[in-house]
Amino acid sequence: MSVEPVTAKDYEARMCPRLQLTKTEIEEISEMLLYEELSRARIRDLEEGVRAQRARGSARAARRWTRVARWAARRAERYQDQN
């Protein structure tokens, strides 16, 4: 009786014939993974852009409220002086 060493690849080929992918299936999977990675990169870029826009927006809102507060203070002083 002779014993031949069995590699994991040989074992999978015998036990799970579906695991053997054709070249076109491998190409399709790699292309799908490439598109998935590209979409993740686009999502990251969009999220960074939104964060930057929000940071600018909150600074803009702070400046706007500062202007409104100054206007309200001047208006209050003006009406106080009249009374």
C-alpha atoms as a PDB file:
ATOM      1  CA  MET A   1       0.000   0.000   0.000  1.00  0.00           C
ATOM      2  CA  SER A   2       1.423   3.364  -0.993  1.00  0.00           C
ATOM      3  CA  VAL A   3       0.423   6.687   0.455  1.00  0.00           C
ATOM      4  CA  GLU A   4       0.571   9.842  -1.587  1.00  0.00           C
ATOM      5  CA  PRO A   5       0.708  13.216   0.129  1.00  0.00           C
ATOM      6  CA  VAL A   6      -2.475  15.189  -0.340  1.00  0.00           C
ATOM      7  CA  THR A   7      -2.303  18.955  -0.583  1.00  0.00           C
ATOM      8  CA  ALA A   8      -5.137  21.227   0.416  1.00  0.00           C
ATOM      9  CA  LYS A   9      -5.709  22.011  -3.248  1.00  0.00           C
ATOM     10  CA  ASP A  10      -6.039  18.310  -4.101  1.00  0.00           C
ATOM     11  CA  TYR A  11      -8.372  17.718  -1.172  1.00  0.00           C
ATOM     12  CA  GLU A  12     -10.605  20.627  -2.161  1.00  0.00           C
ATOM     13  CA  ALA A  13     -10.635  19.431  -5.768  1.00  0.00           C
ATOM     14  CA  ARG A  14     -11.878  16.008  -4.664  1.00  0.00           C
ATOM     15  CA  MET A  15     -14.290  17.071  -1.939  1.00  0.00           C
ATOM     16  CA  CYS A  16     -15.629  20.353  -3.311  1.00  0.00           C
ATOM     17  CA  PRO A  17     -15.632  20.349  -7.090  1.00  0.00           C
ATOM     18  CA  ARG A  18     -17.502  23.683  -7.148  1.00  0.00           C
ATOM     19  CA  LEU A  19     -14.517  25.433  -5.556  1.00  0.00           C
ATOM     20  CA  GLN A  20     -12.598  25.067  -8.783  1.00  0.00           C
ATOM     21  CA  LEU A  21     -13.233  28.302 -10.600  1.00  0.00           C
ATOM     22  CA  THR A  22     -12.710  28.852 -14.260  1.00  0.00           C
ATOM     23  CA  LYS A  23     -10.492  31.631 -15.521  1.00  0.00           C
ATOM     24  CA  THR A  24     -13.475  33.748 -16.564  1.00  0.00           C
ATOM     25  CA  GLU A  25     -15.086  33.346 -13.137  1.00  0.00           C
ATOM     26  CA  ILE A  26     -11.870  34.458 -11.476  1.00  0.00           C
ATOM     27  CA  GLU A  27     -11.661  37.453 -13.810  1.00  0.00           C
ATOM     28  CA  GLU A  28     -15.283  38.356 -13.057  1.00  0.00           C
ATOM     29  CA  ILE A  29     -14.678  38.112  -9.315  1.00  0.00           C
ATOM     30  CA  SER A  30     -11.511  40.199  -9.501  1.00  0.00           C
ATOM     31  CA  GLU A  31     -13.316  42.801 -11.622  1.00  0.00           C
ATOM     32  CA  MET A  32     -16.184  42.864  -9.122  1.00  0.00           C
ATOM     33  CA  LEU A  33     -13.718  43.356  -6.250  1.00  0.00           C
ATOM     34  CA  LEU A  34     -12.028  46.148  -8.179  1.00  0.00           C
ATOM     35  CA  TYR A  35     -15.352  47.961  -8.673  1.00  0.00           C
ATOM     36  CA  GLU A  36     -16.214  47.404  -5.015  1.00  0.00           C
ATOM     37  CA  GLU A  37     -12.917  48.966  -3.945  1.00  0.00           C
ATOM     38  CA  LEU A  38     -13.480  51.884  -6.330  1.00  0.00           C
ATOM     39  CA  SER A  39     -16.941  52.478  -4.917  1.00  0.00           C
ATOM     40  CA  ARG A  40     -15.561  52.402  -1.374  1.00  0.00           C
ATOM     41  CA  ALA A  41     -12.914  54.953  -2.353  1.00  0.00           C
ATOM     42  CA  ARG A  42     -15.609  57.195  -3.876  1.00  0.00           C
ATOM     43  CA  ILE A  43     -17.699  56.900  -0.726  1.00  0.00           C
ATOM     44  CA  ARG A  44     -14.673  57.845   1.412  1.00  0.00           C
ATOM     45  CA  ASP A  45     -14.008  60.862  -0.817  1.00  0.00           C
ATOM     46  CA  LEU A  46     -17.635  61.970  -0.585  1.00  0.00           C
ATOM     47  CA  GLU A  47     -17.644  61.574   3.199  1.00  0.00           C
ATOM     48  CA  GLU A  48     -14.465  63.651   3.482  1.00  0.00           C
ATOM     49  CA  GLY A  49     -16.009  66.314   1.267  1.00  0.00           C
ATOM     50  CA  VAL A  50     -19.167  66.386   3.358  1.00  0.00           C
ATOM     51  CA  ARG A  51     -17.118  66.685   6.565  1.00  0.00           C
ATOM     52  CA  ALA A  52     -15.133  69.574   5.105  1.00  0.00           C
ATOM     53  CA  GLN A  53     -18.307  71.259   3.876  1.00  0.00           C
ATOM     54  CA  ARG A  54     -19.921  70.879   7.293  1.00  0.00           C
ATOM     55  CA  ALA A  55     -16.834  72.357   8.949  1.00  0.00           C
ATOM     56  CA  ARG A  56     -16.983  75.345   6.598  1.00  0.00           C
ATOM     57  CA  GLY A  57     -20.734  75.577   7.092  1.00  0.00           C
ATOM     58  CA  SER A  58     -20.493  75.637  10.868  1.00  0.00           C
ATOM     59  CA  ALA A  59     -17.831  78.349  10.672  1.00  0.00           C
ATOM     60  CA  ARG A  60     -20.077  80.272   8.295  1.00  0.00           C
ATOM     61  CA  ALA A  61     -23.027  79.850  10.661  1.00  0.00           C
ATOM     62  CA  ALA A  62     -20.900  81.048  13.578  1.00  0.00           C
ATOM     63  CA  ARG A  63     -19.918  84.181  11.654  1.00  0.00           C
ATOM     64  CA  ARG A  64     -23.539  84.749  10.673  1.00  0.00           C
ATOM     65  CA  TRP A  65     -24.727  84.475  14.282  1.00  0.00           C
ATOM     66  CA  THR A  66     -21.928  86.794  15.380  1.00  0.00           C
ATOM     67  CA  ARG A  67     -23.133  89.385  12.859  1.00  0.00           C
ATOM     68  CA  VAL A  68     -26.740  88.936  14.000  1.00  0.00           C
ATOM     69  CA  ALA A  69     -25.688  89.293  17.652  1.00  0.00           C
ATOM     70  CA  ARG A  70     -23.756  92.511  16.852  1.00  0.00           C
ATOM     71  CA  TRP A  71     -26.737  93.876  14.942  1.00  0.00           C
ATOM     72  CA  ALA A  72     -29.083  93.006  17.819  1.00  0.00           C
ATOM     73  CA  ALA A  73     -26.743  94.623  20.373  1.00  0.00           C
ATOM     74  CA  ARG A  74     -26.516  97.848  18.307  1.00  0.00           C
ATOM     75  CA  ARG A  75     -30.279  97.887  17.843  1.00  0.00           C
ATOM     76  CA  ALA A  76     -30.850  97.352  21.576  1.00  0.00           C
ATOM     77  CA  GLU A  77     -28.429 100.188  22.394  1.00  0.00           C
ATOM     78  CA  ARG A  78     -30.184 102.473  19.925  1.00  0.00           C
ATOM     79  CA  TYR A  79     -33.610 101.827  21.446  1.00  0.00           C
ATOM     80  CA  GLN A  80     -32.222 102.097  24.974  1.00  0.00           C
ATOM     81  CA  ASP A  81     -30.716 105.484  24.175  1.00  0.00           C
ATOM     82  CA  GLN A  82     -34.074 106.709  22.855  1.00  0.00           C
ATOM     83  CA  ASN A  83     -35.873 105.909  26.124  1.00  0.00           C
END
